[in-house]
Amino acid sequence: MTFRRKLAATLAGTAALVAGATVSTMPANAGTTGIGNGVCESGEVCLYRAGTLIHDLWPSSPSGCSGQTRTAYDYLRNRSAWPQRAWSGTNCTGRFNDFPSGTEGPVNLFWSLGYAG
């Protein structure tokens, strides 16, 4: 997804919230073109905020922590083969939720991601 399309989607979501409309936090379906392209693909861990994909990442490896994601996220989709852990704090600290391979779900404004082995 291009920056222009991401910005348009974000502005549309913000306008809907201001107007009092319900905004879904469920992410879009996966595509087929590769990491960092704004599409959640097989093998990736994808982070969303207000229903918009903000990061599509390679999973953290055993004993790994990706640390701060630069942006708070409220939904995680683990399409990788490795279990991942979402933390509320930066640098993989604070409360956490585990996401086994192939799972997804909401979190409450989390900031870091790591391996959950």
PDB file of N, CA and C in Angstrom:
ATOM      1  N   MET A   1       0.857  -1.163   0.000  1.00  0.00           N
ATOM      2  CA  MET A   1       0.000   0.000   0.000  1.00  0.00           C
ATOM      3  C   MET A   1       0.903   1.224   0.000  1.00  0.00           C
ATOM      4  N   THR A   2       0.636   2.150  -0.857  1.00  0.00           N
ATOM      5  CA  THR A   2       1.452   3.353  -0.940  1.00  0.00           C
ATOM      6  C   THR A   2       1.155   4.277   0.239  1.00  0.00           C
ATOM      7  N   PHE A   3       2.077   5.198   0.471  1.00  0.00           N
ATOM      8  CA  PHE A   3       1.884   6.158   1.541  1.00  0.00           C
ATOM      9  C   PHE A   3       0.587   6.940   1.344  1.00  0.00           C
ATOM     10  N   ARG A   4       0.323   7.338   0.118  1.00  0.00           N
ATOM     11  CA  ARG A   4      -0.873   8.121  -0.189  1.00  0.00           C
ATOM     12  C   ARG A   4      -2.141   7.334   0.158  1.00  0.00           C
ATOM     13  N   ARG A   5      -2.175   6.028  -0.193  1.00  0.00           N
ATOM     14  CA  ARG A   5      -3.348   5.203   0.124  1.00  0.00           C
ATOM     15  C   ARG A   5      -3.465   4.965   1.621  1.00  0.00           C
ATOM     16  N   LYS A   6      -2.323   4.772   2.326  1.00  0.00           N
ATOM     17  CA  LYS A   6      -2.358   4.607   3.778  1.00  0.00           C
ATOM     18  C   LYS A   6      -2.906   5.866   4.439  1.00  0.00           C
ATOM     19  N   LEU A   7      -2.435   7.030   3.972  1.00  0.00           N
ATOM     20  CA  LEU A   7      -2.902   8.286   4.533  1.00  0.00           C
ATOM     21  C   LEU A   7      -4.399   8.449   4.302  1.00  0.00           C
ATOM     22  N   ALA A   8      -4.878   8.146   3.110  1.00  0.00           N
ATOM     23  CA  ALA A   8      -6.307   8.256   2.803  1.00  0.00           C
ATOM     24  C   ALA A   8      -7.125   7.330   3.695  1.00  0.00           C
ATOM     25  N   ALA A   9      -6.643   6.096   3.907  1.00  0.00           N
ATOM     26  CA  ALA A   9      -7.359   5.142   4.761  1.00  0.00           C
ATOM     27  C   ALA A   9      -7.388   5.630   6.205  1.00  0.00           C
ATOM     28  N   THR A  10      -6.278   6.184   6.678  1.00  0.00           N
ATOM     29  CA  THR A  10      -6.209   6.704   8.041  1.00  0.00           C
ATOM     30  C   THR A  10      -7.154   7.881   8.211  1.00  0.00           C
ATOM     31  N   LEU A  11      -7.156   8.796   7.256  1.00  0.00           N
ATOM     32  CA  LEU A  11      -8.052   9.952   7.335  1.00  0.00           C
ATOM     33  C   LEU A  11      -9.513   9.534   7.276  1.00  0.00           C
ATOM     34  N   ALA A  12      -9.824   8.537   6.454  1.00  0.00           N
ATOM     35  CA  ALA A  12     -11.204   8.046   6.368  1.00  0.00           C
ATOM     36  C   ALA A  12     -11.640   7.443   7.698  1.00  0.00           C
ATOM     37  N   GLY A  13     -10.755   6.677   8.329  1.00  0.00           N
ATOM     38  CA  GLY A  13     -11.066   6.083   9.633  1.00  0.00           C
ATOM     39  C   GLY A  13     -11.256   7.143  10.702  1.00  0.00           C
ATOM     40  N   THR A  14     -10.414   8.171  10.687  1.00  0.00           N
ATOM     41  CA  THR A  14     -10.529   9.266  11.642  1.00  0.00           C
ATOM     42  C   THR A  14     -11.840  10.012  11.438  1.00  0.00           C
ATOM     43  N   ALA A  15     -12.193  10.281  10.189  1.00  0.00           N
ATOM     44  CA  ALA A  15     -13.452  10.975   9.894  1.00  0.00           C
ATOM     45  C   ALA A  15     -14.646  10.161  10.377  1.00  0.00           C
ATOM     46  N   ALA A  16     -14.590   8.844  10.207  1.00  0.00           N
ATOM     47  CA  ALA A  16     -15.683   7.984  10.657  1.00  0.00           C
ATOM     48  C   ALA A  16     -15.811   8.024  12.176  1.00  0.00           C
ATOM     49  N   LEU A  17     -14.673   8.029  12.881  1.00  0.00           N
ATOM     50  CA  LEU A  17     -14.713   8.100  14.344  1.00  0.00           C
ATOM     51  C   LEU A  17     -15.300   9.424  14.809  1.00  0.00           C
ATOM     52  N   VAL A  18     -14.909  10.521  14.171  1.00  0.00           N
ATOM     53  CA  VAL A  18     -15.424  11.832  14.530  1.00  0.00           C
ATOM     54  C   VAL A  18     -16.928  11.897  14.286  1.00  0.00           C
ATOM     55  N   ALA A  19     -17.381  11.252  13.211  1.00  0.00           N
ATOM     56  CA  ALA A  19     -18.803  11.265  12.874  1.00  0.00           C
ATOM     57  C   ALA A  19     -19.603  10.308  13.750  1.00  0.00           C
ATOM     58  N   GLY A  20     -18.908   9.517  14.585  1.00  0.00           N
ATOM     59  CA  GLY A  20     -19.610   8.599  15.476  1.00  0.00           C
ATOM     60  C   GLY A  20     -19.875   7.241  14.859  1.00  0.00           C
ATOM     61  N   ALA A  21     -19.312   6.958  13.707  1.00  0.00           N
ATOM     62  CA  ALA A  21     -19.513   5.662  13.065  1.00  0.00           C
ATOM     63  C   ALA A  21     -18.648   4.602  13.736  1.00  0.00           C
ATOM     64  N   THR A  22     -19.047   3.350  13.600  1.00  0.00           N
ATOM     65  CA  THR A  22     -18.261   2.239  14.104  1.00  0.00           C
ATOM     66  C   THR A  22     -17.183   1.908  13.091  1.00  0.00           C
ATOM     67  N   VAL A  23     -15.946   1.777  13.562  1.00  0.00           N
ATOM     68  CA  VAL A  23     -14.826   1.438  12.691  1.00  0.00           C
ATOM     69  C   VAL A  23     -14.338   0.059  13.085  1.00  0.00           C
ATOM     70  N   SER A  24     -14.250  -0.839  12.139  1.00  0.00           N
ATOM     71  CA  SER A  24     -13.794  -2.196  12.401  1.00  0.00           C
ATOM     72  C   SER A  24     -12.294  -2.209  12.637  1.00  0.00           C
ATOM     73  N   THR A  25     -11.839  -3.025  13.602  1.00  0.00           N
ATOM     74  CA  THR A  25     -10.408  -3.194  13.816  1.00  0.00           C
ATOM     75  C   THR A  25      -9.912  -4.465  13.144  1.00  0.00           C
ATOM     76  N   MET A  26     -10.754  -5.124  12.390  1.00  0.00           N
ATOM     77  CA  MET A  26     -10.334  -6.321  11.678  1.00  0.00           C
ATOM     78  C   MET A  26      -9.523  -5.931  10.458  1.00  0.00           C
ATOM     79  N   PRO A  27      -8.336  -6.525  10.273  1.00  0.00           N
ATOM     80  CA  PRO A  27      -7.483  -6.174   9.148  1.00  0.00           C
ATOM     81  C   PRO A  27      -7.953  -6.760   7.824  1.00  0.00           C
ATOM     82  N   ALA A  28      -7.378  -6.216   6.761  1.00  0.00           N
ATOM     83  CA  ALA A  28      -7.678  -6.702   5.418  1.00  0.00           C
ATOM     84  C   ALA A  28      -7.051  -8.072   5.184  1.00  0.00           C
ATOM     85  N   ASN A  29      -7.502  -8.776   4.168  1.00  0.00           N
ATOM     86  CA  ASN A  29      -6.940 -10.083   3.820  1.00  0.00           C
ATOM     87  C   ASN A  29      -5.529  -9.952   3.287  1.00  0.00           C
ATOM     88  N   ALA A  30      -4.807 -11.056   3.343  1.00  0.00           N
ATOM     89  CA  ALA A  30      -3.415 -11.082   2.897  1.00  0.00           C
ATOM     90  C   ALA A  30      -3.315 -10.988   1.380  1.00  0.00           C
ATOM     91  N   GLY A  31      -2.184 -10.499   0.937  1.00  0.00           N
ATOM     92  CA  GLY A  31      -1.887 -10.417  -0.488  1.00  0.00           C
ATOM     93  C   GLY A  31      -0.746 -11.349  -0.853  1.00  0.00           C
ATOM     94  N   THR A  32      -0.011 -11.032  -1.917  1.00  0.00           N
ATOM     95  CA  THR A  32       0.983 -11.977  -2.405  1.00  0.00           C
ATOM     96  C   THR A  32       2.326 -11.385  -2.804  1.00  0.00           C
ATOM     97  N   THR A  33       2.709 -10.216  -2.329  1.00  0.00           N
ATOM     98  CA  THR A  33       3.896  -9.604  -2.919  1.00  0.00           C
ATOM     99  C   THR A  33       5.128  -9.366  -2.057  1.00  0.00           C
ATOM    100  N   GLY A  34       5.181  -9.610  -0.745  1.00  0.00           N
ATOM    101  CA  GLY A  34       6.442  -9.518  -0.002  1.00  0.00           C
ATOM    102  C   GLY A  34       6.465  -8.583   1.194  1.00  0.00           C
ATOM    103  N   ILE A  35       7.499  -8.734   2.041  1.00  0.00           N
ATOM    104  CA  ILE A  35       7.639  -7.989   3.297  1.00  0.00           C
ATOM    105  C   ILE A  35       7.773  -6.480   3.063  1.00  0.00           C
ATOM    106  N   GLY A  36       7.176  -5.705   3.969  1.00  0.00           N
ATOM    107  CA  GLY A  36       7.307  -4.260   3.905  1.00  0.00           C
ATOM    108  C   GLY A  36       6.489  -3.592   2.817  1.00  0.00           C
ATOM    109  N   ASN A  37       5.550  -4.321   2.235  1.00  0.00           N
ATOM    110  CA  ASN A  37       4.785  -3.762   1.125  1.00  0.00           C
ATOM    111  C   ASN A  37       3.380  -3.331   1.533  1.00  0.00           C
ATOM    112  N   GLY A  38       3.062  -3.387   2.824  1.00  0.00           N
ATOM    113  CA  GLY A  38       1.741  -2.983   3.269  1.00  0.00           C
ATOM    114  C   GLY A  38       0.684  -4.058   3.102  1.00  0.00           C
ATOM    115  N   VAL A  39       1.113  -5.302   2.906  1.00  0.00           N
ATOM    116  CA  VAL A  39       0.190  -6.424   2.771  1.00  0.00           C
ATOM    117  C   VAL A  39       0.633  -7.501   3.749  1.00  0.00           C
ATOM    118  N   CYS A  40      -0.291  -8.076   4.508  1.00  0.00           N
ATOM    119  CA  CYS A  40       0.049  -9.128   5.461  1.00  0.00           C
ATOM    120  C   CYS A  40       0.108 -10.470   4.737  1.00  0.00           C
ATOM    121  N   GLU A  41       1.301 -11.035   4.668  1.00  0.00           N
ATOM    122  CA  GLU A  41       1.508 -12.267   3.911  1.00  0.00           C
ATOM    123  C   GLU A  41       1.934 -13.419   4.794  1.00  0.00           C
ATOM    124  N   SER A  42       1.863 -14.612   4.255  1.00  0.00           N
ATOM    125  CA  SER A  42       2.327 -15.806   4.944  1.00  0.00           C
ATOM    126  C   SER A  42       3.783 -15.624   5.351  1.00  0.00           C
ATOM    127  N   GLY A  43       4.106 -15.972   6.597  1.00  0.00           N
ATOM    128  CA  GLY A  43       5.460 -15.838   7.101  1.00  0.00           C
ATOM    129  C   GLY A  43       5.711 -14.546   7.852  1.00  0.00           C
ATOM    130  N   GLU A  44       4.781 -13.612   7.814  1.00  0.00           N
ATOM    131  CA  GLU A  44       4.962 -12.312   8.448  1.00  0.00           C
ATOM    132  C   GLU A  44       4.173 -12.203   9.749  1.00  0.00           C
ATOM    133  N   VAL A  45       4.549 -11.221  10.543  1.00  0.00           N
ATOM    134  CA  VAL A  45       3.776 -10.797  11.699  1.00  0.00           C
ATOM    135  C   VAL A  45       3.317  -9.384  11.372  1.00  0.00           C
ATOM    136  N   CYS A  46       2.012  -9.156  11.437  1.00  0.00           N
ATOM    137  CA  CYS A  46       1.457  -7.875  11.003  1.00  0.00           C
ATOM    138  C   CYS A  46       0.792  -7.165  12.169  1.00  0.00           C
ATOM    139  N   LEU A  47       1.064  -5.886  12.279  1.00  0.00           N
ATOM    140  CA  LEU A  47       0.546  -5.058  13.350  1.00  0.00           C
ATOM    141  C   LEU A  47      -0.381  -4.006  12.757  1.00  0.00           C
ATOM    142  N   TYR A  48      -1.521  -3.817  13.421  1.00  0.00           N
ATOM    143  CA  TYR A  48      -2.556  -2.909  12.930  1.00  0.00           C
ATOM    144  C   TYR A  48      -2.916  -1.889  13.997  1.00  0.00           C
ATOM    145  N   ARG A  49      -3.413  -0.767  13.539  1.00  0.00           N
ATOM    146  CA  ARG A  49      -3.980   0.236  14.435  1.00  0.00           C
ATOM    147  C   ARG A  49      -5.222   0.790  13.770  1.00  0.00           C
ATOM    148  N   ALA A  50      -6.337   0.716  14.489  1.00  0.00           N
ATOM    149  CA  ALA A  50      -7.635   1.184  13.984  1.00  0.00           C
ATOM    150  C   ALA A  50      -7.962   0.571  12.623  1.00  0.00           C
ATOM    151  N   GLY A  51      -7.616  -0.716  12.452  1.00  0.00           N
ATOM    152  CA  GLY A  51      -7.951  -1.423  11.225  1.00  0.00           C
ATOM    153  C   GLY A  51      -7.005  -1.205  10.066  1.00  0.00           C
ATOM    154  N   THR A  52      -5.932  -0.421  10.273  1.00  0.00           N
ATOM    155  CA  THR A  52      -4.972  -0.136   9.212  1.00  0.00           C
ATOM    156  C   THR A  52      -3.652  -0.824   9.516  1.00  0.00           C
ATOM    157  N   LEU A  53      -3.115  -1.536   8.551  1.00  0.00           N
ATOM    158  CA  LEU A  53      -1.817  -2.186   8.708  1.00  0.00           C
ATOM    159  C   LEU A  53      -0.741  -1.118   8.865  1.00  0.00           C
ATOM    160  N   ILE A  54       0.010  -1.182   9.984  1.00  0.00           N
ATOM    161  CA  ILE A  54       1.076  -0.202  10.191  1.00  0.00           C
ATOM    162  C   ILE A  54       2.468  -0.815  10.069  1.00  0.00           C
ATOM    163  N   HIS A  55       2.604  -2.126  10.292  1.00  0.00           N
ATOM    164  CA  HIS A  55       3.890  -2.808  10.148  1.00  0.00           C
ATOM    165  C   HIS A  55       3.644  -4.230   9.668  1.00  0.00           C
ATOM    166  N   ASP A  56       4.364  -4.672   8.652  1.00  0.00           N
ATOM    167  CA  ASP A  56       4.411  -6.091   8.288  1.00  0.00           C
ATOM    168  C   ASP A  56       5.871  -6.502   8.423  1.00  0.00           C
ATOM    169  N   LEU A  57       6.141  -7.389   9.393  1.00  0.00           N
ATOM    170  CA  LEU A  57       7.495  -7.688   9.845  1.00  0.00           C
ATOM    171  C   LEU A  57       7.828  -9.165   9.725  1.00  0.00           C
ATOM    172  N   TRP A  58       9.122  -9.468   9.667  1.00  0.00           N
ATOM    173  CA  TRP A  58       9.554 -10.842   9.843  1.00  0.00           C
ATOM    174  C   TRP A  58       9.368 -11.156  11.317  1.00  0.00           C
ATOM    175  N   PRO A  59       9.071 -12.398  11.677  1.00  0.00           N
ATOM    176  CA  PRO A  59       8.878 -12.742  13.089  1.00  0.00           C
ATOM    177  C   PRO A  59      10.191 -12.636  13.864  1.00  0.00           C
ATOM    178  N   SER A  60      10.081 -12.413  15.161  1.00  0.00           N
ATOM    179  CA  SER A  60      11.262 -12.436  16.019  1.00  0.00           C
ATOM    180  C   SER A  60      11.672 -13.883  16.224  1.00  0.00           C
ATOM    181  N   SER A  61      12.964 -14.138  16.164  1.00  0.00           N
ATOM    182  CA  SER A  61      13.487 -15.483  16.340  1.00  0.00           C
ATOM    183  C   SER A  61      13.596 -15.828  17.826  1.00  0.00           C
ATOM    184  N   PRO A  62      13.878 -17.100  18.141  1.00  0.00           N
ATOM    185  CA  PRO A  62      14.021 -17.491  19.550  1.00  0.00           C
ATOM    186  C   PRO A  62      14.964 -16.554  20.301  1.00  0.00           C
ATOM    187  N   SER A  63      14.537 -16.176  21.484  1.00  0.00           N
ATOM    188  CA  SER A  63      15.258 -15.241  22.358  1.00  0.00           C
ATOM    189  C   SER A  63      15.347 -13.842  21.759  1.00  0.00           C
ATOM    190  N   GLY A  64      14.555 -13.559  20.724  1.00  0.00           N
ATOM    191  CA  GLY A  64      14.615 -12.258  20.081  1.00  0.00           C
ATOM    192  C   GLY A  64      13.540 -11.308  20.562  1.00  0.00           C
ATOM    193  N   CYS A  65      13.853 -10.035  20.482  1.00  0.00           N
ATOM    194  CA  CYS A  65      12.895  -8.973  20.785  1.00  0.00           C
ATOM    195  C   CYS A  65      13.089  -7.882  19.749  1.00  0.00           C
ATOM    196  N   SER A  66      12.037  -7.564  19.029  1.00  0.00           N
ATOM    197  CA  SER A  66      12.126  -6.497  18.038  1.00  0.00           C
ATOM    198  C   SER A  66      12.142  -5.128  18.688  1.00  0.00           C
ATOM    199  N   GLY A  67      11.827  -5.093  19.970  1.00  0.00           N
ATOM    200  CA  GLY A  67      11.828  -3.816  20.670  1.00  0.00           C
ATOM    201  C   GLY A  67      10.671  -2.937  20.235  1.00  0.00           C
ATOM    202  N   GLN A  68      10.821  -1.668  20.442  1.00  0.00           N
ATOM    203  CA  GLN A  68       9.748  -0.725  20.155  1.00  0.00           C
ATOM    204  C   GLN A  68       9.405  -0.717  18.670  1.00  0.00           C
ATOM    205  N   THR A  69       8.117  -0.675  18.368  1.00  0.00           N
ATOM    206  CA  THR A  69       7.639  -0.696  16.994  1.00  0.00           C
ATOM    207  C   THR A  69       7.471   0.703  16.404  1.00  0.00           C
ATOM    208  N   ARG A  70       7.815   1.754  17.148  1.00  0.00           N
ATOM    209  CA  ARG A  70       7.706   3.156  16.729  1.00  0.00           C
ATOM    210  C   ARG A  70       6.267   3.656  16.714  1.00  0.00           C
ATOM    211  N   THR A  71       5.294   2.752  16.680  1.00  0.00           N
ATOM    212  CA  THR A  71       3.887   3.137  16.649  1.00  0.00           C
ATOM    213  C   THR A  71       3.104   2.134  17.478  1.00  0.00           C
ATOM    214  N   ALA A  72       2.195   2.622  18.302  1.00  0.00           N
ATOM    215  CA  ALA A  72       1.348   1.713  19.079  1.00  0.00           C
ATOM    216  C   ALA A  72       0.428   0.960  18.136  1.00  0.00           C
ATOM    217  N   TYR A  73       0.179  -0.299  18.433  1.00  0.00           N
ATOM    218  CA  TYR A  73      -0.731  -1.103  17.623  1.00  0.00           C
ATOM    219  C   TYR A  73      -1.806  -1.714  18.508  1.00  0.00           C
ATOM    220  N   ASP A  74      -2.975  -2.029  17.905  1.00  0.00           N
ATOM    221  CA  ASP A  74      -4.074  -2.573  18.688  1.00  0.00           C
ATOM    222  C   ASP A  74      -4.582  -3.924  18.177  1.00  0.00           C
ATOM    223  N   TYR A  75      -3.903  -4.489  17.196  1.00  0.00           N
ATOM    224  CA  TYR A  75      -4.294  -5.793  16.648  1.00  0.00           C
ATOM    225  C   TYR A  75      -3.045  -6.446  16.059  1.00  0.00           C
ATOM    226  N   LEU A  76      -2.887  -7.744  16.305  1.00  0.00           N
ATOM    227  CA  LEU A  76      -1.728  -8.468  15.788  1.00  0.00           C
ATOM    228  C   LEU A  76      -2.200  -9.698  15.032  1.00  0.00           C
ATOM    229  N   ARG A  77      -1.595  -9.951  13.900  1.00  0.00           N
ATOM    230  CA  ARG A  77      -1.859 -11.160  13.096  1.00  0.00           C
ATOM    231  C   ARG A  77      -0.514 -11.871  12.914  1.00  0.00           C
ATOM    232  N   ASN A  78      -0.406 -13.098  13.462  1.00  0.00           N
ATOM    233  CA  ASN A  78       0.837 -13.871  13.355  1.00  0.00           C
ATOM    234  C   ASN A  78       0.686 -14.904  12.241  1.00  0.00           C
ATOM    235  N   ARG A  79       1.201 -14.584  11.081  1.00  0.00           N
ATOM    236  CA  ARG A  79       1.146 -15.505   9.947  1.00  0.00           C
ATOM    237  C   ARG A  79       2.470 -16.249   9.791  1.00  0.00           C
ATOM    238  N   SER A  80       3.321 -16.181  10.814  1.00  0.00           N
ATOM    239  CA  SER A  80       4.619 -16.851  10.783  1.00  0.00           C
ATOM    240  C   SER A  80       4.513 -18.251  11.386  1.00  0.00           C
ATOM    241  N   ALA A  81       5.600 -18.992  11.317  1.00  0.00           N
ATOM    242  CA  ALA A  81       5.665 -20.335  11.892  1.00  0.00           C
ATOM    243  C   ALA A  81       6.100 -20.314  13.354  1.00  0.00           C
ATOM    244  N   TRP A  82       6.500 -19.140  13.881  1.00  0.00           N
ATOM    245  CA  TRP A  82       7.005 -19.034  15.242  1.00  0.00           C
ATOM    246  C   TRP A  82       6.018 -18.316  16.138  1.00  0.00           C
ATOM    247  N   PRO A  83       5.886 -18.757  17.388  1.00  0.00           N
ATOM    248  CA  PRO A  83       5.021 -18.029  18.329  1.00  0.00           C
ATOM    249  C   PRO A  83       5.603 -16.649  18.605  1.00  0.00           C
ATOM    250  N   GLN A  84       4.756 -15.655  18.713  1.00  0.00           N
ATOM    251  CA  GLN A  84       5.196 -14.291  18.965  1.00  0.00           C
ATOM    252  C   GLN A  84       4.506 -13.760  20.217  1.00  0.00           C
ATOM    253  N   ARG A  85       5.150 -12.785  20.853  1.00  0.00           N
ATOM    254  CA  ARG A  85       4.607 -12.173  22.064  1.00  0.00           C
ATOM    255  C   ARG A  85       4.546 -10.664  21.850  1.00  0.00           C
ATOM    256  N   ALA A  86       3.400 -10.084  22.168  1.00  0.00           N
ATOM    257  CA  ALA A  86       3.193  -8.637  22.082  1.00  0.00           C
ATOM    258  C   ALA A  86       3.260  -8.062  23.491  1.00  0.00           C
ATOM    259  N   TRP A  87       4.063  -7.003  23.668  1.00  0.00           N
ATOM    260  CA  TRP A  87       4.223  -6.366  24.967  1.00  0.00           C
ATOM    261  C   TRP A  87       3.641  -4.965  24.961  1.00  0.00           C
ATOM    262  N   SER A  88       3.139  -4.557  26.145  1.00  0.00           N
ATOM    263  CA  SER A  88       2.579  -3.218  26.277  1.00  0.00           C
ATOM    264  C   SER A  88       3.668  -2.156  26.357  1.00  0.00           C
ATOM    265  N   GLY A  89       4.826  -2.503  26.870  1.00  0.00           N
ATOM    266  CA  GLY A  89       5.912  -1.536  27.016  1.00  0.00           C
ATOM    267  C   GLY A  89       6.916  -1.623  25.882  1.00  0.00           C
ATOM    268  N   THR A  90       7.840  -0.688  25.883  1.00  0.00           N
ATOM    269  CA  THR A  90       8.906  -0.704  24.881  1.00  0.00           C
ATOM    270  C   THR A  90       9.956  -1.734  25.282  1.00  0.00           C
ATOM    271  N   ASN A  91      10.733  -2.184  24.318  1.00  0.00           N
ATOM    272  CA  ASN A  91      11.817  -3.138  24.551  1.00  0.00           C
ATOM    273  C   ASN A  91      11.361  -4.426  25.235  1.00  0.00           C
ATOM    274  N   CYS A  92      10.166  -4.899  24.858  1.00  0.00           N
ATOM    275  CA  CYS A  92       9.625  -6.177  25.335  1.00  0.00           C
ATOM    276  C   CYS A  92       9.504  -6.208  26.855  1.00  0.00           C
ATOM    277  N   THR A  93       8.845  -5.202  27.399  1.00  0.00           N
ATOM    278  CA  THR A  93       8.592  -5.103  28.835  1.00  0.00           C
ATOM    279  C   THR A  93       7.108  -4.870  29.070  1.00  0.00           C
ATOM    280  N   GLY A  94       6.660  -5.049  30.299  1.00  0.00           N
ATOM    281  CA  GLY A  94       5.270  -4.800  30.658  1.00  0.00           C
ATOM    282  C   GLY A  94       4.392  -6.024  30.466  1.00  0.00           C
ATOM    283  N   ARG A  95       3.090  -5.807  30.469  1.00  0.00           N
ATOM    284  CA  ARG A  95       2.164  -6.929  30.280  1.00  0.00           C
ATOM    285  C   ARG A  95       2.277  -7.424  28.850  1.00  0.00           C
ATOM    286  N   PHE A  96       1.862  -8.690  28.616  1.00  0.00           N
ATOM    287  CA  PHE A  96       2.019  -9.246  27.278  1.00  0.00           C
ATOM    288  C   PHE A  96       0.894 -10.213  26.939  1.00  0.00           C
ATOM    289  N   ASN A  97       0.725 -10.446  25.645  1.00  0.00           N
ATOM    290  CA  ASN A  97      -0.177 -11.462  25.095  1.00  0.00           C
ATOM    291  C   ASN A  97       0.638 -12.332  24.155  1.00  0.00           C
ATOM    292  N   ASP A  98       0.407 -13.645  24.215  1.00  0.00           N
ATOM    293  CA  ASP A  98       1.072 -14.576  23.308  1.00  0.00           C
ATOM    294  C   ASP A  98       0.188 -14.882  22.107  1.00  0.00           C
ATOM    295  N   PHE A  99       0.821 -15.017  20.940  1.00  0.00           N
ATOM    296  CA  PHE A  99       0.136 -15.334  19.694  1.00  0.00           C
ATOM    297  C   PHE A  99       0.831 -16.522  19.031  1.00  0.00           C
ATOM    298  N   PRO A 100       0.321 -17.747  19.253  1.00  0.00           N
ATOM    299  CA  PRO A 100       0.903 -18.902  18.574  1.00  0.00           C
ATOM    300  C   PRO A 100       0.834 -18.720  17.052  1.00  0.00           C
ATOM    301  N   SER A 101       1.603 -19.510  16.364  1.00  0.00           N
ATOM    302  CA  SER A 101       1.609 -19.464  14.902  1.00  0.00           C
ATOM    303  C   SER A 101       0.188 -19.567  14.351  1.00  0.00           C
ATOM    304  N   GLY A 102      -0.145 -18.694  13.407  1.00  0.00           N
ATOM    305  CA  GLY A 102      -1.449 -18.748  12.747  1.00  0.00           C
ATOM    306  C   GLY A 102      -2.592 -18.111  13.504  1.00  0.00           C
ATOM    307  N   THR A 103      -2.306 -17.399  14.586  1.00  0.00           N
ATOM    308  CA  THR A 103      -3.384 -16.770  15.348  1.00  0.00           C
ATOM    309  C   THR A 103      -3.337 -15.253  15.176  1.00  0.00           C
ATOM    310  N   GLU A 104      -4.391 -14.611  15.639  1.00  0.00           N
ATOM    311  CA  GLU A 104      -4.492 -13.158  15.588  1.00  0.00           C
ATOM    312  C   GLU A 104      -5.450 -12.693  16.648  1.00  0.00           C
ATOM    313  N   GLY A 105      -5.389 -11.411  16.976  1.00  0.00           N
ATOM    314  CA  GLY A 105      -6.332 -10.877  17.941  1.00  0.00           C
ATOM    315  C   GLY A 105      -5.988  -9.472  18.382  1.00  0.00           C
ATOM    316  N   PRO A 106      -6.899  -8.872  19.145  1.00  0.00           N
ATOM    317  CA  PRO A 106      -6.704  -7.496  19.604  1.00  0.00           C
ATOM    318  C   PRO A 106      -5.764  -7.425  20.808  1.00  0.00           C
ATOM    319  N   VAL A 107      -5.093  -6.305  20.933  1.00  0.00           N
ATOM    320  CA  VAL A 107      -4.304  -5.933  22.108  1.00  0.00           C
ATOM    321  C   VAL A 107      -4.620  -4.470  22.384  1.00  0.00           C
ATOM    322  N   ASN A 108      -4.282  -3.994  23.566  1.00  0.00           N
ATOM    323  CA  ASN A 108      -4.643  -2.629  23.925  1.00  0.00           C
ATOM    324  C   ASN A 108      -3.437  -1.699  23.841  1.00  0.00           C
ATOM    325  N   LEU A 109      -3.177  -1.162  22.660  1.00  0.00           N
ATOM    326  CA  LEU A 109      -2.093  -0.213  22.409  1.00  0.00           C
ATOM    327  C   LEU A 109      -0.747  -0.714  22.923  1.00  0.00           C
ATOM    328  N   PHE A 110      -0.260  -1.773  22.297  1.00  0.00           N
ATOM    329  CA  PHE A 110       1.033  -2.361  22.637  1.00  0.00           C
ATOM    330  C   PHE A 110       2.123  -1.733  21.788  1.00  0.00           C
ATOM    331  N   TRP A 111       3.393  -1.866  22.267  1.00  0.00           N
ATOM    332  CA  TRP A 111       4.504  -1.164  21.641  1.00  0.00           C
ATOM    333  C   TRP A 111       5.674  -2.024  21.203  1.00  0.00           C
ATOM    334  N   SER A 112       5.765  -3.271  21.622  1.00  0.00           N
ATOM    335  CA  SER A 112       6.926  -4.075  21.222  1.00  0.00           C
ATOM    336  C   SER A 112       6.517  -5.497  20.923  1.00  0.00           C
ATOM    337  N   LEU A 113       7.431  -6.220  20.256  1.00  0.00           N
ATOM    338  CA  LEU A 113       7.137  -7.555  19.745  1.00  0.00           C
ATOM    339  C   LEU A 113       8.370  -8.433  19.918  1.00  0.00           C
ATOM    340  N   GLY A 114       8.150  -9.709  20.249  1.00  0.00           N
ATOM    341  CA  GLY A 114       9.271 -10.631  20.409  1.00  0.00           C
ATOM    342  C   GLY A 114       8.820 -12.072  20.271  1.00  0.00           C
ATOM    343  N   TYR A 115       9.754 -12.976  20.457  1.00  0.00           N
ATOM    344  CA  TYR A 115       9.513 -14.414  20.373  1.00  0.00           C
ATOM    345  C   TYR A 115       8.853 -14.904  21.652  1.00  0.00           C
ATOM    346  N   ALA A 116       7.908 -15.821  21.525  1.00  0.00           N
ATOM    347  CA  ALA A 116       7.207 -16.351  22.696  1.00  0.00           C
ATOM    348  C   ALA A 116       7.430 -17.848  22.827  1.00  0.00           C
ATOM    349  N   GLY A 117       8.661 -18.297  22.881  1.00  0.00           N
ATOM    350  CA  GLY A 117       8.952 -19.715  22.950  1.00  0.00           C
ATOM    351  C   GLY A 117       9.154 -20.244  24.315  1.00  0.00           C
TER     352      GLY A 117
END
